[in-house]
Amino acid sequence: MRQSRKPGAFDGGERGVPEFTTAQLKSIQEVITLIVFSVFSVLDLRGPLKWNDLVGFAMMIGAVAVIFQKL
């Protein structure tokens, strides 16, 4: 039996971007969230970015590079 869904809702497998894997899409989501929150934190909350924040961001960029490697 098929479950009913809200109008306009769809499964990721129904319509999506077939050239990206689930791990790649999640990585993209996390990087976008990190960028948006960092900008909000600095501009609106007046929170400074420390060196360890920047090192963490660099590690996440490295993780994205590994996930997007073609094997």
N, C-alpha and C. Protein backbone atom coordinates (compact mmCIF):
# COMPACT_ATOMS: atom_id res chain seq x y z
N MET A 1 0.84 -1.17 0.00
CA MET A 1 0.00 0.00 0.00
C MET A 1 0.89 1.24 0.00
N ARG A 2 0.57 2.17 -0.84
CA ARG A 2 1.37 3.40 -0.96
C ARG A 2 0.91 4.43 0.06
N GLN A 3 1.88 5.05 0.72
CA GLN A 3 1.53 6.07 1.69
C GLN A 3 1.20 7.37 0.98
N SER A 4 0.26 8.10 1.55
CA SER A 4 -0.08 9.39 0.93
C SER A 4 0.95 10.43 1.34
N ARG A 5 1.17 11.37 0.44
CA ARG A 5 2.14 12.44 0.70
C ARG A 5 1.47 13.78 0.51
N LYS A 6 2.11 14.79 1.01
CA LYS A 6 1.63 16.15 0.81
C LYS A 6 1.77 16.52 -0.66
N PRO A 7 0.89 17.37 -1.16
CA PRO A 7 1.05 17.82 -2.55
C PRO A 7 2.38 18.54 -2.73
N GLY A 8 3.07 18.22 -3.78
CA GLY A 8 4.36 18.86 -4.06
C GLY A 8 5.54 18.15 -3.43
N ALA A 9 5.29 17.21 -2.51
CA ALA A 9 6.39 16.48 -1.88
C ALA A 9 6.81 15.33 -2.79
N PHE A 10 8.08 15.01 -2.77
CA PHE A 10 8.57 13.91 -3.59
C PHE A 10 9.77 13.26 -2.93
N ASP A 11 10.00 12.02 -3.30
CA ASP A 11 11.17 11.31 -2.81
C ASP A 11 12.40 11.82 -3.55
N GLY A 12 13.53 11.76 -2.90
CA GLY A 12 14.77 12.18 -3.55
C GLY A 12 15.09 11.35 -4.78
N GLY A 13 14.66 10.09 -4.80
CA GLY A 13 14.93 9.23 -5.94
C GLY A 13 14.02 9.49 -7.12
N GLU A 14 12.86 10.07 -6.86
CA GLU A 14 11.91 10.35 -7.95
C GLU A 14 12.42 11.43 -8.87
N ARG A 15 12.71 12.55 -8.27
CA ARG A 15 13.26 13.68 -9.01
C ARG A 15 14.48 14.12 -8.24
N GLY A 16 15.50 14.29 -8.89
CA GLY A 16 16.71 14.69 -8.20
C GLY A 16 17.78 14.95 -9.22
N VAL A 17 18.96 15.02 -8.75
CA VAL A 17 20.08 15.25 -9.63
C VAL A 17 20.81 13.92 -9.73
N PRO A 18 20.60 13.19 -10.80
CA PRO A 18 21.16 11.84 -10.88
C PRO A 18 22.69 11.78 -10.92
N GLU A 19 23.34 12.89 -11.26
CA GLU A 19 24.80 12.84 -11.33
C GLU A 19 25.49 12.99 -9.98
N PHE A 20 24.72 13.24 -8.90
CA PHE A 20 25.29 13.33 -7.56
C PHE A 20 24.82 12.16 -6.72
N THR A 21 25.72 11.64 -5.88
CA THR A 21 25.33 10.59 -4.95
C THR A 21 24.75 11.23 -3.70
N THR A 22 24.19 10.39 -2.84
CA THR A 22 23.63 10.89 -1.59
C THR A 22 24.70 11.55 -0.73
N ALA A 23 25.87 10.95 -0.66
CA ALA A 23 26.97 11.52 0.14
C ALA A 23 27.40 12.87 -0.41
N GLN A 24 27.44 13.00 -1.73
CA GLN A 24 27.82 14.28 -2.33
C GLN A 24 26.78 15.36 -2.04
N LEU A 25 25.50 15.01 -2.16
CA LEU A 25 24.44 15.98 -1.86
C LEU A 25 24.49 16.42 -0.40
N LYS A 26 24.72 15.48 0.51
CA LYS A 26 24.81 15.82 1.93
C LYS A 26 26.01 16.72 2.20
N SER A 27 27.13 16.46 1.52
CA SER A 27 28.32 17.29 1.68
C SER A 27 28.05 18.72 1.22
N ILE A 28 27.39 18.83 0.07
CA ILE A 28 27.04 20.15 -0.45
C ILE A 28 26.15 20.89 0.55
N GLN A 29 25.16 20.18 1.10
CA GLN A 29 24.26 20.79 2.08
C GLN A 29 25.02 21.30 3.29
N GLU A 30 25.94 20.49 3.81
CA GLU A 30 26.68 20.88 5.00
C GLU A 30 27.58 22.09 4.75
N VAL A 31 28.22 22.14 3.60
CA VAL A 31 29.10 23.27 3.28
C VAL A 31 28.28 24.55 3.13
N ILE A 32 27.14 24.46 2.46
CA ILE A 32 26.27 25.65 2.31
C ILE A 32 25.79 26.12 3.67
N THR A 33 25.37 25.19 4.53
CA THR A 33 24.92 25.55 5.87
C THR A 33 26.04 26.20 6.66
N LEU A 34 27.23 25.66 6.57
CA LEU A 34 28.39 26.21 7.28
C LEU A 34 28.70 27.63 6.82
N ILE A 35 28.66 27.86 5.53
CA ILE A 35 28.94 29.20 4.99
C ILE A 35 27.89 30.19 5.45
N VAL A 36 26.62 29.82 5.33
CA VAL A 36 25.53 30.73 5.71
C VAL A 36 25.60 31.03 7.20
N PHE A 37 25.80 30.02 8.03
CA PHE A 37 25.87 30.27 9.47
C PHE A 37 27.09 31.10 9.84
N SER A 38 28.22 30.88 9.18
CA SER A 38 29.42 31.66 9.47
C SER A 38 29.21 33.14 9.15
N VAL A 39 28.61 33.40 7.99
CA VAL A 39 28.35 34.80 7.62
C VAL A 39 27.37 35.42 8.61
N PHE A 40 26.31 34.70 8.96
CA PHE A 40 25.34 35.20 9.93
C PHE A 40 25.99 35.45 11.28
N SER A 41 26.84 34.53 11.70
CA SER A 41 27.51 34.65 12.99
C SER A 41 28.40 35.89 13.06
N VAL A 42 29.15 36.13 11.99
CA VAL A 42 30.07 37.26 11.97
C VAL A 42 29.33 38.59 11.83
N LEU A 43 28.39 38.65 10.88
CA LEU A 43 27.73 39.92 10.58
C LEU A 43 26.63 40.28 11.57
N ASP A 44 25.81 39.33 11.95
CA ASP A 44 24.66 39.65 12.79
C ASP A 44 24.94 39.45 14.28
N LEU A 45 25.60 38.37 14.62
CA LEU A 45 25.87 38.09 16.03
C LEU A 45 27.18 38.69 16.52
N ARG A 46 27.95 39.23 15.60
CA ARG A 46 29.25 39.86 15.91
C ARG A 46 30.21 38.88 16.58
N GLY A 47 30.11 37.60 16.20
CA GLY A 47 31.01 36.60 16.74
C GLY A 47 32.23 36.47 15.86
N PRO A 48 33.41 36.58 16.41
CA PRO A 48 34.62 36.48 15.59
C PRO A 48 34.90 35.03 15.20
N LEU A 49 35.48 34.85 14.03
CA LEU A 49 35.95 33.53 13.62
C LEU A 49 37.37 33.36 14.16
N LYS A 50 37.61 32.26 14.84
CA LYS A 50 38.93 31.99 15.39
C LYS A 50 39.71 31.08 14.46
N TRP A 51 40.97 30.90 14.73
CA TRP A 51 41.82 30.10 13.86
C TRP A 51 41.34 28.66 13.78
N ASN A 52 40.84 28.12 14.91
CA ASN A 52 40.38 26.72 14.89
C ASN A 52 39.10 26.56 14.06
N ASP A 53 38.28 27.62 13.97
CA ASP A 53 37.12 27.58 13.08
C ASP A 53 37.58 27.46 11.63
N LEU A 54 38.57 28.27 11.28
CA LEU A 54 39.07 28.25 9.90
C LEU A 54 39.74 26.93 9.55
N VAL A 55 40.44 26.33 10.52
CA VAL A 55 41.05 25.02 10.29
C VAL A 55 39.97 23.96 10.08
N GLY A 56 38.91 24.04 10.87
CA GLY A 56 37.78 23.11 10.71
C GLY A 56 37.12 23.26 9.35
N PHE A 57 36.96 24.51 8.89
CA PHE A 57 36.38 24.76 7.57
C PHE A 57 37.28 24.16 6.48
N ALA A 58 38.57 24.33 6.63
CA ALA A 58 39.51 23.77 5.65
C ALA A 58 39.42 22.24 5.62
N MET A 59 39.25 21.63 6.79
CA MET A 59 39.11 20.18 6.84
C MET A 59 37.83 19.72 6.14
N MET A 60 36.75 20.50 6.32
CA MET A 60 35.50 20.14 5.64
C MET A 60 35.65 20.26 4.13
N ILE A 61 36.36 21.27 3.67
CA ILE A 61 36.60 21.41 2.24
C ILE A 61 37.43 20.23 1.74
N GLY A 62 38.40 19.80 2.54
CA GLY A 62 39.17 18.61 2.18
C GLY A 62 38.30 17.37 2.12
N ALA A 63 37.37 17.25 3.05
CA ALA A 63 36.45 16.10 3.05
C ALA A 63 35.57 16.10 1.80
N VAL A 64 35.11 17.27 1.41
CA VAL A 64 34.30 17.37 0.20
C VAL A 64 35.13 16.98 -1.02
N ALA A 65 36.38 17.40 -1.05
CA ALA A 65 37.25 17.02 -2.17
C ALA A 65 37.42 15.51 -2.25
N VAL A 66 37.54 14.85 -1.10
CA VAL A 66 37.68 13.39 -1.09
C VAL A 66 36.39 12.74 -1.57
N ILE A 67 35.24 13.23 -1.11
CA ILE A 67 33.96 12.64 -1.50
C ILE A 67 33.70 12.79 -2.99
N PHE A 68 34.17 13.87 -3.59
CA PHE A 68 33.93 14.10 -5.00
C PHE A 68 34.99 13.48 -5.91
N GLN A 69 35.95 12.73 -5.35
CA GLN A 69 36.95 12.05 -6.17
C GLN A 69 36.30 11.00 -7.05
N LYS A 70 36.70 10.96 -8.29
CA LYS A 70 36.23 9.92 -9.21
C LYS A 70 37.13 8.71 -9.04
N LEU A 71 36.56 7.57 -8.73
CA LEU A 71 37.36 6.35 -8.56
C LEU A 71 37.15 5.42 -9.72
